[in-house]
Every structure is written in structure tokens, then in C-alpha cells.
N, C-alpha and C. Protein backbone atom coordinates (compact mmCIF):
# COMPACT_ATOMS: atom_id res chain seq x y z
N MET A 1 -19.14 -31.50 -68.23
CA MET A 1 -19.70 -31.04 -66.98
C MET A 1 -20.42 -32.19 -66.27
N LEU A 2 -21.13 -33.01 -67.03
CA LEU A 2 -21.85 -34.13 -66.41
C LEU A 2 -20.90 -35.14 -65.79
N SER A 3 -19.78 -35.40 -66.44
CA SER A 3 -18.84 -36.36 -65.87
C SER A 3 -18.22 -35.81 -64.59
N ARG A 4 -17.99 -34.51 -64.52
CA ARG A 4 -17.49 -33.90 -63.29
C ARG A 4 -18.52 -34.00 -62.18
N ARG A 5 -19.77 -33.85 -62.53
CA ARG A 5 -20.84 -33.98 -61.56
C ARG A 5 -20.85 -35.39 -60.95
N THR A 6 -20.66 -36.39 -61.78
CA THR A 6 -20.64 -37.78 -61.31
C THR A 6 -19.47 -37.99 -60.34
N ILE A 7 -18.31 -37.48 -60.68
CA ILE A 7 -17.14 -37.60 -59.81
C ILE A 7 -17.41 -36.89 -58.48
N PHE A 8 -17.99 -35.71 -58.55
CA PHE A 8 -18.30 -34.94 -57.34
C PHE A 8 -19.29 -35.68 -56.45
N VAL A 9 -20.36 -36.21 -57.05
CA VAL A 9 -21.38 -36.92 -56.27
C VAL A 9 -20.77 -38.14 -55.57
N LYS A 10 -19.91 -38.87 -56.27
CA LYS A 10 -19.26 -40.02 -55.65
C LYS A 10 -18.42 -39.60 -54.45
N ALA A 11 -17.65 -38.52 -54.60
CA ALA A 11 -16.78 -38.05 -53.53
C ALA A 11 -17.59 -37.57 -52.33
N VAL A 12 -18.64 -36.81 -52.59
CA VAL A 12 -19.46 -36.28 -51.50
C VAL A 12 -20.21 -37.42 -50.79
N THR A 13 -20.68 -38.38 -51.54
CA THR A 13 -21.38 -39.53 -50.96
C THR A 13 -20.44 -40.34 -50.06
N GLN A 14 -19.23 -40.56 -50.52
CA GLN A 14 -18.25 -41.28 -49.71
C GLN A 14 -17.90 -40.51 -48.44
N ALA A 15 -17.79 -39.18 -48.56
CA ALA A 15 -17.50 -38.35 -47.38
C ALA A 15 -18.64 -38.43 -46.37
N ALA A 16 -19.89 -38.39 -46.86
CA ALA A 16 -21.04 -38.49 -45.97
C ALA A 16 -21.09 -39.86 -45.29
N ASP A 17 -20.78 -40.91 -46.04
CA ASP A 17 -20.73 -42.26 -45.46
C ASP A 17 -19.70 -42.33 -44.34
N LYS A 18 -18.53 -41.74 -44.57
CA LYS A 18 -17.48 -41.76 -43.55
C LYS A 18 -17.90 -40.95 -42.32
N ALA A 19 -18.54 -39.81 -42.54
CA ALA A 19 -19.01 -38.99 -41.41
C ALA A 19 -20.02 -39.75 -40.57
N MET A 20 -20.94 -40.45 -41.24
CA MET A 20 -21.93 -41.25 -40.52
C MET A 20 -21.25 -42.38 -39.75
N GLU A 21 -20.26 -42.99 -40.36
CA GLU A 21 -19.54 -44.08 -39.73
C GLU A 21 -18.79 -43.59 -38.48
N LEU A 22 -18.16 -42.43 -38.60
CA LEU A 22 -17.42 -41.87 -37.47
C LEU A 22 -18.35 -41.46 -36.32
N ALA A 23 -19.50 -40.94 -36.66
CA ALA A 23 -20.44 -40.48 -35.63
C ALA A 23 -21.15 -41.65 -34.96
N GLY A 24 -21.19 -42.78 -35.62
CA GLY A 24 -21.86 -43.95 -35.04
C GLY A 24 -23.37 -43.81 -35.07
N GLY A 25 -24.03 -44.52 -34.17
CA GLY A 25 -25.50 -44.54 -34.14
C GLY A 25 -26.12 -43.18 -33.89
N GLY A 26 -25.40 -42.30 -33.22
CA GLY A 26 -25.93 -40.96 -32.94
C GLY A 26 -26.13 -40.12 -34.19
N ALA A 27 -25.50 -40.52 -35.29
CA ALA A 27 -25.61 -39.77 -36.53
C ALA A 27 -27.04 -39.75 -37.06
N PHE A 28 -27.86 -40.69 -36.63
CA PHE A 28 -29.23 -40.75 -37.14
C PHE A 28 -30.19 -39.82 -36.42
N TYR A 29 -29.73 -39.18 -35.34
CA TYR A 29 -30.57 -38.23 -34.63
C TYR A 29 -30.55 -36.89 -35.34
N ARG A 30 -31.70 -36.28 -35.50
CA ARG A 30 -31.78 -35.00 -36.20
C ARG A 30 -31.01 -33.90 -35.49
N SER A 31 -30.92 -33.98 -34.19
CA SER A 31 -30.22 -32.95 -33.43
C SER A 31 -28.72 -32.88 -33.77
N VAL A 32 -28.17 -33.97 -34.25
CA VAL A 32 -26.74 -34.01 -34.61
C VAL A 32 -26.50 -33.27 -35.93
N GLY A 33 -27.45 -33.33 -36.84
CA GLY A 33 -27.33 -32.63 -38.12
C GLY A 33 -26.84 -33.48 -39.28
N LEU A 34 -26.23 -34.59 -39.00
CA LEU A 34 -25.71 -35.44 -40.08
C LEU A 34 -26.83 -36.17 -40.82
N GLU A 35 -27.91 -36.45 -40.14
CA GLU A 35 -29.02 -37.20 -40.75
C GLU A 35 -29.55 -36.46 -41.97
N ARG A 36 -29.78 -35.16 -41.84
CA ARG A 36 -30.31 -34.38 -42.96
C ARG A 36 -29.27 -34.26 -44.08
N CYS A 37 -28.03 -34.02 -43.71
CA CYS A 37 -26.95 -33.93 -44.69
C CYS A 37 -26.85 -35.22 -45.50
N PHE A 38 -26.85 -36.34 -44.80
CA PHE A 38 -26.77 -37.64 -45.46
C PHE A 38 -27.94 -37.85 -46.41
N ARG A 39 -29.14 -37.53 -45.95
CA ARG A 39 -30.33 -37.71 -46.78
C ARG A 39 -30.29 -36.81 -48.01
N ASP A 40 -29.89 -35.55 -47.84
CA ASP A 40 -29.84 -34.63 -48.97
C ASP A 40 -28.80 -35.07 -50.01
N ILE A 41 -27.68 -35.58 -49.54
CA ILE A 41 -26.63 -36.03 -50.46
C ILE A 41 -27.09 -37.24 -51.27
N GLN A 42 -27.88 -38.10 -50.67
CA GLN A 42 -28.39 -39.27 -51.40
C GLN A 42 -29.23 -38.84 -52.59
N GLY A 43 -29.95 -37.74 -52.47
CA GLY A 43 -30.76 -37.22 -53.57
C GLY A 43 -29.93 -36.79 -54.77
N ALA A 44 -28.67 -36.44 -54.54
CA ALA A 44 -27.81 -36.00 -55.64
C ALA A 44 -27.57 -37.11 -56.66
N ARG A 45 -27.74 -38.35 -56.25
CA ARG A 45 -27.54 -39.48 -57.17
C ARG A 45 -28.56 -39.50 -58.30
N TYR A 46 -29.70 -38.88 -58.09
CA TYR A 46 -30.81 -39.00 -59.05
C TYR A 46 -31.15 -37.69 -59.75
N HIS A 47 -30.40 -36.64 -59.51
CA HIS A 47 -30.72 -35.35 -60.11
C HIS A 47 -29.47 -34.74 -60.68
N PRO A 48 -29.39 -34.26 -61.87
CA PRO A 48 -30.39 -34.35 -62.91
C PRO A 48 -30.27 -35.62 -63.76
N VAL A 49 -29.05 -36.19 -63.87
CA VAL A 49 -28.88 -37.40 -64.68
C VAL A 49 -28.14 -38.44 -63.83
N GLN A 50 -28.66 -39.66 -63.80
CA GLN A 50 -28.01 -40.72 -63.04
C GLN A 50 -26.69 -41.11 -63.70
N GLU A 51 -25.86 -41.83 -62.95
CA GLU A 51 -24.49 -42.12 -63.41
C GLU A 51 -24.44 -42.91 -64.71
N LYS A 52 -25.18 -43.99 -64.81
CA LYS A 52 -25.10 -44.85 -66.01
C LYS A 52 -25.55 -44.11 -67.27
N PRO A 53 -26.74 -43.46 -67.26
CA PRO A 53 -27.13 -42.71 -68.47
C PRO A 53 -26.14 -41.60 -68.81
N GLN A 54 -25.57 -40.96 -67.78
CA GLN A 54 -24.60 -39.90 -68.02
C GLN A 54 -23.36 -40.45 -68.69
N THR A 55 -22.90 -41.61 -68.25
CA THR A 55 -21.71 -42.23 -68.85
C THR A 55 -21.96 -42.58 -70.31
N LEU A 56 -23.12 -43.14 -70.60
CA LEU A 56 -23.47 -43.47 -71.99
C LEU A 56 -23.57 -42.22 -72.86
N LEU A 57 -24.20 -41.17 -72.31
CA LEU A 57 -24.36 -39.92 -73.04
C LEU A 57 -23.01 -39.30 -73.35
N THR A 58 -22.13 -39.26 -72.36
CA THR A 58 -20.79 -38.70 -72.56
C THR A 58 -20.00 -39.52 -73.58
N GLY A 59 -20.09 -40.84 -73.49
CA GLY A 59 -19.40 -41.70 -74.45
C GLY A 59 -19.88 -41.49 -75.87
N ARG A 60 -21.20 -41.38 -76.05
CA ARG A 60 -21.75 -41.13 -77.39
C ARG A 60 -21.27 -39.80 -77.94
N PHE A 61 -21.25 -38.79 -77.07
CA PHE A 61 -20.79 -37.46 -77.49
C PHE A 61 -19.33 -37.50 -77.90
N LEU A 62 -18.48 -38.15 -77.10
CA LEU A 62 -17.04 -38.20 -77.39
C LEU A 62 -16.74 -39.00 -78.65
N MET A 63 -17.61 -39.97 -78.98
CA MET A 63 -17.43 -40.77 -80.19
C MET A 63 -18.06 -40.13 -81.41
N GLY A 64 -18.72 -38.98 -81.21
CA GLY A 64 -19.33 -38.27 -82.32
C GLY A 64 -20.62 -38.89 -82.81
N LEU A 65 -21.31 -39.65 -81.94
CA LEU A 65 -22.54 -40.34 -82.35
C LEU A 65 -23.79 -39.51 -82.10
N GLY A 66 -23.69 -38.39 -81.46
CA GLY A 66 -24.87 -37.58 -81.15
C GLY A 66 -25.54 -38.06 -79.89
N PHE A 67 -26.61 -37.40 -79.54
CA PHE A 67 -27.28 -37.69 -78.28
C PHE A 67 -28.48 -38.62 -78.38
N ASP A 68 -28.93 -38.92 -79.57
CA ASP A 68 -30.08 -39.82 -79.75
C ASP A 68 -29.62 -41.26 -79.65
N ALA A 69 -30.39 -42.04 -78.88
CA ALA A 69 -30.01 -43.46 -78.68
C ALA A 69 -30.30 -44.30 -79.87
């Protein structure tokens, strides 16, 4: 589930970046609505587990090493 979350966050972040790029400078105005969406999506990178620790955790689990570092 955590690895799927990482893939999802990457895809959504890239989509938000493209939307901001397409909208241009106006995307930063709150009235457009993209500013809040972009900001909220950025928070997904840090909740609940960041990408690198998640990758290590998944790798340890798949190798049968347990969750303790």
C-alpha cells in the first residue's frame, strides 16, 4: 500500500505541476483555485511516510528482514 501511495503522489504532483505550467502566472492567484490545490498536493510528500523511508521499509519487508532498522 505504501508503494502505491508513493506512485500516486508522484503522479498527482506531476499533474499539479503541469496544471500550474499551463495556467501560467495566474495560477498563483487564489481566485483561480490552483494555488490551494498545488499547496495541498505538496503536503502529500510528507504524510504519512516520505518516499525514501517508504522504499527502504518496503525493501526490508520484501527481503524478510522485518521493520526494525
